[in-house]
Structures are given as C-alpha cells and as structure tokens.
Amino acid sequence: MPDAFIYDHVRTPRGRGRPDGSLHEISSVQLAAQMLEALADRSELDTGLVDDVILGCAQPVGEQGGNIARAAVCVAGYAESVAGQQVHRFCASALEAVNNGAAQIMTGASDAAIGGGVESMSRTVIGADSGAWSADPWVAYHCYFAPQGIGADLIATLDGFTREDVDRYALESQRRAAAAWWCAAGGSARSSPALATPTSAGSRGRCGATRCPTGPATRFARSAARRW
C-alpha cells in the first residue's frame, strides 16, 4: 500500500465568530479559496495534478452549502478537472477530510488530494443546519442527544478524570500549539498568509491578524516528500 505524506499546509488567521468579528466581511468560499490559492502559489503547484479537494464543514447551509469544496476550487482558479467534495462529521469534519484525502492516496484512488475545513460562525451561526438531533424532540430523546460540553463532562466523570487533569491537558496542548506556531518556518507568516478582504473603492485590502494559533486549515497530502 502506498504511503501518504503531508506536503504543505496553510491556515487563515482566526477572528471572533460573531457578526462584527474581524473576518466577518469574508465569505466562507473566499476563506477556502484564498487558502487554495496560497497553496498553489507558494508550491508552484500545477493544480491539474490534484485529483480531489475535500473540505469539512459543520454548518453546510446557505453560503457554506452546495458543496463548498467544489465552489472554492472554481473560485481559486484551479484546473477544471479538480473535483471537490464536502464532508460533515460535526467538529471532526476537517480531520475527517484530511483522513479521507490520505485514504484516497493510500488506496490508489488519488495521486494528490487537498483536505481541510472551513467555517465562518460570523456569517453562518452554530446550529444553522439544525437537523433532527436538535429540531426533533423524539430523535433527541431516544438517541440520548446531549451538547458536546455535557458529553465531555460525562465521559470525564465516567473515566475518572478530574477538572485539574483536563485543565492540565488543555494547557499543555495550547502551549505546544503556540510553540509550533511560532517556531515553524520562522513564525506564522508562512503558515498563515494574509487574507484579502472586500473594501471600499472596489479594492481588496489585507487582513493582518496573524497572532492566532488556531483557525480553519487546508492541508495538501500526496505521495511524496514528508512522511504522514
């Protein structure tokens, strides 16, 4: 079975998920498309070599619906042969997309794939897709549906993790993320390209919010270079 490798990765800066958040002017399609453009430009990538672009999205409705991955591919100016698919596994959607891209390569279905995720809670609020989990009381009751925070608390209680245990784990996770963010490629500049935002006079400005260790990410996986 072929190996899959991460060749490159980029992410947007992160703003607050509210109507006046720093990225509220930029649509989800533009968030994803600009990252796809950055991947292609900095790697001098022949986009015709990419077989599939897979993007996770946990609220796939409105401007984030209708297969946002394929829309972003078109907006980014990729080759017309590049396919796109949107996946939804709630908060693990982007991770699932990356895993799916790697699986395509390892099974021989693709030679190159891009996997990642996109979400704008400034423009498409959490719960916008509703669904039977929350909209249908019968389904929620009989499936023991609970919000993620309550579910996490139940798991921690059942498995004997204390608040101090999980706080210590969370703090260490953030510390490692911050260290990796600023050490990789001399800081955030390479990992987080500036975003173009709609501005007055028909021009496009730049969003300079870069001190952000988390945010939507797009990863390029293919069977060459660095080991998965």
Protein backbone atom coordinates (compact mmCIF):
# COMPACT_ATOMS: atom_id res chain seq x y z
CA MET A 1 0.00 0.00 0.00
CA PRO A 2 1.43 3.44 -0.91
CA ASP A 3 2.33 5.88 1.84
CA ALA A 4 0.62 9.25 2.16
CA PHE A 5 2.62 12.35 3.04
CA ILE A 6 1.76 15.89 4.08
CA TYR A 7 3.46 18.11 1.53
CA ASP A 8 2.36 21.53 2.77
CA HIS A 9 -0.25 23.25 4.91
CA VAL A 10 -1.75 26.71 5.35
CA ARG A 11 -4.47 28.26 7.50
CA THR A 12 -6.29 31.54 7.80
CA PRO A 13 -5.93 33.86 10.76
CA ARG A 14 -8.76 33.46 13.24
CA GLY A 15 -11.31 36.07 14.26
CA ARG A 16 -14.18 36.06 16.73
CA GLY A 17 -17.21 34.12 15.50
CA ARG A 18 -19.71 36.95 15.71
CA PRO A 19 -21.33 39.40 13.25
CA ASP A 20 -18.64 42.03 13.87
CA GLY A 21 -15.71 39.61 14.03
CA SER A 22 -12.51 40.59 12.24
CA LEU A 23 -13.20 38.22 9.34
CA HIS A 24 -16.95 38.83 9.03
CA GLU A 25 -16.57 40.50 5.62
CA ILE A 26 -15.06 37.40 4.05
CA SER A 27 -17.39 34.63 2.90
CA SER A 28 -16.60 31.01 3.68
CA VAL A 29 -15.98 30.33 0.00
CA GLN A 30 -13.39 33.12 -0.09
CA LEU A 31 -11.73 31.85 3.10
CA ALA A 32 -11.24 28.44 1.50
CA ALA A 33 -10.41 29.74 -1.98
CA GLN A 34 -7.68 32.09 -0.76
CA MET A 35 -6.00 29.24 1.11
CA LEU A 36 -6.16 27.08 -2.01
CA GLU A 37 -4.59 29.92 -3.97
CA ALA A 38 -1.83 30.28 -1.37
CA LEU A 39 -1.05 26.55 -1.55
CA ALA A 40 -0.78 26.65 -5.33
CA ASP A 41 1.28 29.86 -5.47
CA ARG A 42 3.91 29.04 -2.86
CA SER A 43 4.45 25.49 -4.14
CA GLU A 44 4.26 26.42 -7.84
CA LEU A 45 1.66 23.70 -7.99
CA ASP A 46 0.20 22.51 -11.27
CA THR A 47 -3.36 22.26 -9.97
CA GLY A 48 -4.21 19.80 -12.70
CA LEU A 49 -2.25 17.24 -10.68
CA VAL A 50 -4.75 17.45 -7.81
CA ASP A 51 -7.44 14.78 -8.00
CA ASP A 52 -9.74 15.93 -5.22
CA VAL A 53 -10.28 18.74 -2.74
CA ILE A 54 -12.10 17.61 0.41
CA LEU A 55 -13.36 20.20 2.88
CA GLY A 56 -15.12 19.56 6.16
CA CYS A 57 -17.91 21.93 7.13
CA ALA A 58 -20.10 21.53 10.21
CA GLN A 59 -22.81 24.00 9.13
CA PRO A 60 -23.25 23.18 5.41
CA VAL A 61 -26.14 25.55 4.72
CA GLY A 62 -26.57 28.89 2.98
CA GLU A 63 -23.33 30.20 1.53
CA GLN A 64 -21.49 27.25 3.14
CA GLY A 65 -23.76 24.70 1.48
CA GLY A 66 -23.97 23.30 -2.03
CA ASN A 67 -20.58 21.54 -1.87
CA ILE A 68 -18.40 24.43 -0.74
CA ALA A 69 -15.26 22.48 -1.66
CA ARG A 70 -16.10 22.47 -5.35
CA ALA A 71 -17.12 26.13 -5.21
CA ALA A 72 -13.78 27.04 -3.62
CA VAL A 73 -11.91 25.07 -6.27
CA CYS A 74 -13.62 27.07 -9.00
CA VAL A 75 -13.14 30.43 -7.26
CA ALA A 76 -9.45 29.67 -6.66
CA GLY A 77 -8.92 29.12 -10.37
CA TYR A 78 -7.85 25.50 -10.12
CA ALA A 79 -7.92 23.28 -13.19
CA GLU A 80 -11.43 22.30 -14.26
CA SER A 81 -10.53 18.64 -13.78
CA VAL A 82 -10.14 19.07 -9.99
CA ALA A 83 -13.07 17.55 -8.10
CA GLY A 84 -14.43 18.76 -4.79
CA GLN A 85 -16.44 17.19 -2.00
CA GLN A 86 -17.82 18.42 1.30
CA VAL A 87 -17.92 16.19 4.39
CA HIS A 88 -19.70 16.67 7.70
CA ARG A 89 -18.69 14.93 10.91
CA PHE A 90 -19.51 17.79 13.26
CA CYS A 91 -16.39 19.19 14.97
CA ALA A 92 -14.19 16.48 13.43
CA SER A 93 -15.16 17.44 9.86
CA ALA A 94 -11.77 18.88 8.83
CA LEU A 95 -9.87 15.98 10.39
CA GLU A 96 -12.13 13.58 8.52
CA ALA A 97 -11.41 15.44 5.29
CA VAL A 98 -7.65 15.12 5.79
CA ASN A 99 -8.03 11.44 6.66
CA ASN A 100 -10.16 10.86 3.57
CA GLY A 101 -7.55 12.52 1.36
CA ALA A 102 -4.81 10.31 2.83
CA ALA A 103 -7.01 7.23 2.40
CA GLN A 104 -7.58 8.06 -1.27
CA ILE A 105 -3.83 8.18 -1.82
CA MET A 106 -3.07 5.03 0.16
CA THR A 107 -5.70 3.04 -1.76
CA GLY A 108 -4.55 4.33 -5.13
CA ALA A 109 -7.74 6.28 -5.81
CA SER A 110 -5.81 9.57 -5.98
CA ASP A 111 -2.24 10.72 -6.52
CA ALA A 112 -2.74 14.11 -4.87
CA ALA A 113 -5.51 15.47 -2.70
CA ILE A 114 -6.19 18.50 -0.55
CA GLY A 115 -8.02 18.07 2.74
CA GLY A 116 -9.08 20.63 5.31
CA GLY A 117 -12.01 22.52 6.71
CA VAL A 118 -13.83 25.82 6.53
CA GLU A 119 -16.34 27.56 8.78
CA SER A 120 -17.44 31.14 9.40
CA MET A 121 -19.51 31.48 12.55
CA SER A 122 -19.68 35.21 11.90
CA ARG A 123 -21.85 34.52 8.87
CA THR A 124 -23.32 31.04 9.44
CA VAL A 125 -24.05 30.61 13.13
CA ILE A 126 -23.69 27.35 15.04
CA GLY A 127 -26.85 25.28 14.79
CA ALA A 128 -27.84 26.86 11.48
CA ASP A 129 -28.23 23.44 9.93
CA SER A 130 -30.47 22.33 12.83
CA GLY A 131 -31.21 18.72 11.93
CA ALA A 132 -33.12 16.03 13.74
CA TRP A 133 -30.67 15.98 16.64
CA SER A 134 -31.94 19.29 17.97
CA ALA A 135 -35.07 20.02 15.93
CA ASP A 136 -36.91 16.74 16.53
CA PRO A 137 -37.53 16.08 20.26
CA TRP A 138 -38.31 12.39 19.61
CA VAL A 139 -34.92 11.81 17.95
CA ALA A 140 -33.05 13.80 20.61
CA TYR A 141 -34.74 11.92 23.45
CA HIS A 142 -34.41 8.40 22.05
CA CYS A 143 -30.82 8.91 20.87
CA TYR A 144 -29.76 10.48 24.20
CA PHE A 145 -28.57 13.57 22.38
CA ALA A 146 -26.55 15.99 24.51
CA PRO A 147 -24.43 19.04 23.64
CA GLN A 148 -20.72 18.34 23.27
CA GLY A 149 -19.76 20.02 26.54
CA ILE A 150 -22.17 17.89 28.53
CA GLY A 151 -20.96 14.78 26.72
CA ALA A 152 -17.34 15.62 27.55
CA ASP A 153 -18.23 16.13 31.22
CA LEU A 154 -19.98 12.75 31.32
CA ILE A 155 -17.01 10.97 29.75
CA ALA A 156 -14.57 12.62 32.16
CA THR A 157 -16.74 11.63 35.12
CA LEU A 158 -17.14 8.03 33.98
CA ASP A 159 -13.42 7.64 33.27
CA GLY A 160 -12.28 9.36 36.45
CA PHE A 161 -10.66 12.50 35.02
CA THR A 162 -10.72 15.46 37.40
CA ARG A 163 -11.08 19.11 36.42
CA GLU A 164 -7.40 19.58 37.26
CA ASP A 165 -6.48 16.69 34.94
CA VAL A 166 -8.31 18.08 31.93
CA ASP A 167 -7.19 21.67 32.60
CA ARG A 168 -3.57 20.49 32.76
CA TYR A 169 -4.02 18.61 29.46
CA ALA A 170 -5.67 21.59 27.77
CA LEU A 171 -2.96 23.99 28.93
CA GLU A 172 -0.19 21.74 27.66
CA SER A 173 -1.99 21.36 24.32
CA GLN A 174 -2.19 25.14 23.92
CA ARG A 175 1.45 25.55 24.96
CA ARG A 176 2.61 23.05 22.35
CA ALA A 177 0.41 24.62 19.68
CA ALA A 178 1.82 28.08 20.40
CA ALA A 179 5.40 26.79 20.29
CA ALA A 180 4.83 25.01 16.98
CA TRP A 181 3.03 28.02 15.52
CA TRP A 182 5.87 30.45 16.12
CA CYS A 183 8.77 28.09 15.54
CA ALA A 184 7.63 26.62 12.24
CA ALA A 185 9.10 28.49 9.28
CA GLY A 186 10.17 31.42 11.44
CA GLY A 187 6.73 32.23 12.82
CA SER A 188 3.23 32.48 11.45
CA ALA A 189 3.98 34.28 8.20
CA ARG A 190 4.41 31.13 6.13
CA SER A 191 1.67 29.09 7.80
CA SER A 192 -0.91 31.88 7.76
CA PRO A 193 -0.99 34.01 4.59
CA ALA A 194 -2.71 37.39 4.77
CA LEU A 195 -6.34 37.46 3.69
CA ALA A 196 -7.81 39.81 1.12
CA THR A 197 -11.00 41.50 2.35
CA PRO A 198 -13.65 43.46 0.44
CA THR A 199 -13.02 47.18 0.99
CA SER A 200 -14.25 50.50 -0.35
CA ALA A 201 -13.48 51.76 -3.87
CA GLY A 202 -13.75 48.24 -5.20
CA SER A 203 -10.28 47.31 -3.97
CA ARG A 204 -9.23 44.40 -1.78
CA GLY A 205 -7.39 45.07 1.46
CA ARG A 206 -5.28 42.78 3.61
CA CYS A 207 -6.24 41.28 6.95
CA GLY A 208 -3.20 41.40 9.20
CA ALA A 209 -4.48 39.38 12.18
CA THR A 210 -1.73 36.78 12.48
CA ARG A 211 -1.23 36.04 16.18
CA CYS A 212 -3.73 33.21 16.07
CA PRO A 213 -2.63 29.60 16.80
CA THR A 214 -5.93 28.13 15.63
CA GLY A 215 -8.33 28.51 12.74
CA PRO A 216 -9.59 26.84 9.56
CA ALA A 217 -6.89 24.85 7.83
CA THR A 218 -6.28 23.35 4.41
CA ARG A 219 -3.70 20.62 4.02
CA PHE A 220 -2.17 19.19 0.88
CA ALA A 221 -1.45 15.47 1.06
CA ARG A 222 0.28 13.47 -1.64
CA SER A 223 2.56 10.50 -2.02
CA ALA A 224 5.86 12.41 -1.95
CA ALA A 225 8.05 14.45 0.40
CA ARG A 226 7.42 14.35 4.15
CA ARG A 227 6.06 11.17 5.75
CA TRP A 228 2.45 11.30 7.01
